[in-house]
């Protein structure tokens, strides 16, 4: 069960990072969001979709 949850979190993080890289944001904002997603693997994507994405 733990492995499945870890895999789902990893897939979600990769999807969010690809979305961040493809966005029209400044490079500085992209880097900050990627760092947030990497350092906060569960909370980072939630924050990005709630705050960072238009």
N, C-alpha and C. Protein backbone atom coordinates (compact mmCIF):
# COMPACT_ATOMS: atom_id res chain seq x y z
N UNK A 1 0.83 -1.20 0.00
CA UNK A 1 0.00 0.00 0.00
C UNK A 1 0.87 1.25 0.00
N UNK A 2 1.95 1.23 0.78
CA UNK A 2 2.83 2.37 0.85
C UNK A 2 3.53 2.66 -0.47
N UNK A 3 3.88 1.58 -1.17
CA UNK A 3 4.54 1.76 -2.48
C UNK A 3 3.60 2.37 -3.50
N UNK A 4 2.34 1.95 -3.46
CA UNK A 4 1.36 2.49 -4.39
C UNK A 4 1.14 3.97 -4.15
N UNK A 5 1.03 4.35 -2.89
CA UNK A 5 0.86 5.76 -2.54
C UNK A 5 2.08 6.58 -2.97
N UNK A 6 3.26 6.04 -2.74
CA UNK A 6 4.49 6.73 -3.16
C UNK A 6 4.54 6.89 -4.67
N UNK A 7 4.13 5.87 -5.39
CA UNK A 7 4.11 5.94 -6.85
C UNK A 7 3.11 6.97 -7.34
N UNK A 8 1.95 7.03 -6.72
CA UNK A 8 0.95 8.03 -7.12
C UNK A 8 1.44 9.45 -6.85
N UNK A 9 2.10 9.65 -5.73
CA UNK A 9 2.65 10.97 -5.42
C UNK A 9 3.73 11.35 -6.43
N UNK A 10 4.58 10.38 -6.79
CA UNK A 10 5.64 10.64 -7.77
C UNK A 10 5.04 11.01 -9.13
N UNK A 11 4.04 10.27 -9.57
CA UNK A 11 3.40 10.56 -10.85
C UNK A 11 2.74 11.94 -10.83
N UNK A 12 2.06 12.27 -9.73
CA UNK A 12 1.43 13.58 -9.60
C UNK A 12 2.48 14.69 -9.65
N UNK A 13 3.60 14.49 -8.96
CA UNK A 13 4.66 15.50 -8.97
C UNK A 13 5.23 15.70 -10.37
N UNK A 14 5.43 14.62 -11.10
CA UNK A 14 5.97 14.73 -12.46
C UNK A 14 4.98 15.47 -13.35
N UNK A 15 3.71 15.17 -13.23
CA UNK A 15 2.69 15.85 -14.04
C UNK A 15 2.67 17.34 -13.73
N UNK A 16 2.75 17.69 -12.46
CA UNK A 16 2.73 19.09 -12.06
C UNK A 16 3.99 19.81 -12.55
N UNK A 17 5.15 19.17 -12.45
CA UNK A 17 6.39 19.79 -12.91
C UNK A 17 6.34 20.02 -14.41
N UNK A 18 5.82 19.08 -15.18
CA UNK A 18 5.68 19.27 -16.63
C UNK A 18 4.73 20.43 -16.91
N UNK A 19 3.64 20.53 -16.16
CA UNK A 19 2.70 21.64 -16.32
C UNK A 19 3.37 22.98 -16.00
N UNK A 20 4.19 23.01 -14.98
CA UNK A 20 4.90 24.23 -14.61
C UNK A 20 5.86 24.64 -15.72
N UNK A 21 6.62 23.69 -16.23
CA UNK A 21 7.61 24.00 -17.27
C UNK A 21 6.94 24.50 -18.55
N UNK A 22 5.76 23.97 -18.88
CA UNK A 22 5.06 24.38 -20.09
C UNK A 22 4.29 25.69 -19.93
N UNK A 23 4.17 26.20 -18.71
CA UNK A 23 3.39 27.41 -18.47
C UNK A 23 4.09 28.65 -19.01
N UNK A 24 3.36 29.75 -19.04
CA UNK A 24 3.88 31.02 -19.56
C UNK A 24 4.46 31.91 -18.48
N UNK A 25 4.79 31.35 -17.35
CA UNK A 25 5.33 32.13 -16.24
C UNK A 25 6.79 32.51 -16.50
N UNK A 26 7.26 33.47 -15.70
CA UNK A 26 8.67 33.83 -15.75
C UNK A 26 9.50 32.64 -15.28
N UNK A 27 10.75 32.58 -15.73
CA UNK A 27 11.62 31.47 -15.35
C UNK A 27 11.85 31.41 -13.84
N UNK A 28 11.91 32.57 -13.20
CA UNK A 28 12.12 32.59 -11.75
C UNK A 28 10.95 31.94 -11.02
N UNK A 29 9.74 32.25 -11.47
CA UNK A 29 8.56 31.66 -10.84
C UNK A 29 8.48 30.16 -11.11
N UNK A 30 8.86 29.76 -12.31
CA UNK A 30 8.88 28.33 -12.63
C UNK A 30 9.84 27.58 -11.71
N UNK A 31 11.02 28.14 -11.52
CA UNK A 31 12.02 27.50 -10.67
C UNK A 31 11.52 27.40 -9.24
N UNK A 32 10.91 28.46 -8.74
CA UNK A 32 10.38 28.44 -7.37
C UNK A 32 9.27 27.41 -7.20
N UNK A 33 8.39 27.30 -8.18
CA UNK A 33 7.32 26.32 -8.08
C UNK A 33 7.85 24.90 -8.16
N UNK A 34 8.83 24.66 -9.03
CA UNK A 34 9.43 23.32 -9.13
C UNK A 34 10.10 22.96 -7.81
N UNK A 35 10.81 23.91 -7.20
CA UNK A 35 11.45 23.65 -5.90
C UNK A 35 10.38 23.34 -4.85
N UNK A 36 9.28 24.09 -4.87
CA UNK A 36 8.20 23.84 -3.90
C UNK A 36 7.61 22.44 -4.09
N UNK A 37 7.43 22.02 -5.32
CA UNK A 37 6.86 20.69 -5.58
C UNK A 37 7.84 19.59 -5.17
N UNK A 38 9.11 19.81 -5.41
CA UNK A 38 10.11 18.79 -5.06
C UNK A 38 10.26 18.69 -3.54
N UNK A 39 10.30 19.82 -2.85
CA UNK A 39 10.50 19.80 -1.41
C UNK A 39 9.24 19.44 -0.63
N UNK A 40 8.08 19.74 -1.19
CA UNK A 40 6.79 19.42 -0.55
C UNK A 40 5.99 18.55 -1.51
N UNK A 41 6.30 17.26 -1.60
CA UNK A 41 5.71 16.42 -2.64
C UNK A 41 4.19 16.27 -2.58
N UNK A 42 3.60 16.41 -1.42
CA UNK A 42 2.14 16.29 -1.33
C UNK A 42 1.49 17.67 -1.36
N UNK A 43 2.03 18.59 -0.60
CA UNK A 43 1.45 19.92 -0.48
C UNK A 43 1.79 20.81 -1.68
N UNK A 44 2.94 20.61 -2.31
CA UNK A 44 3.37 21.44 -3.43
C UNK A 44 2.40 21.47 -4.60
N UNK A 45 1.97 20.30 -5.10
CA UNK A 45 1.00 20.31 -6.21
C UNK A 45 -0.34 20.93 -5.82
N UNK A 46 -0.77 20.72 -4.59
CA UNK A 46 -2.03 21.31 -4.13
C UNK A 46 -1.91 22.83 -4.13
N UNK A 47 -0.80 23.34 -3.60
CA UNK A 47 -0.58 24.79 -3.59
C UNK A 47 -0.49 25.35 -5.01
N UNK A 48 0.20 24.63 -5.89
CA UNK A 48 0.34 25.12 -7.26
C UNK A 48 -1.02 25.24 -7.94
N UNK A 49 -1.84 24.21 -7.83
CA UNK A 49 -3.15 24.27 -8.49
C UNK A 49 -4.10 25.23 -7.79
N UNK A 50 -3.92 25.48 -6.50
CA UNK A 50 -4.80 26.39 -5.79
C UNK A 50 -4.36 27.85 -5.95
N UNK A 51 -3.06 28.10 -5.96
CA UNK A 51 -2.56 29.47 -5.96
C UNK A 51 -1.85 29.84 -7.26
N UNK A 52 -0.97 28.98 -7.74
CA UNK A 52 -0.06 29.34 -8.82
C UNK A 52 -0.64 29.27 -10.22
N UNK A 53 -1.65 28.47 -10.41
CA UNK A 53 -2.19 28.30 -11.75
C UNK A 53 -3.36 29.24 -11.96
N UNK A 54 -3.42 29.84 -13.12
CA UNK A 54 -4.51 30.77 -13.43
C UNK A 54 -5.71 30.05 -13.96
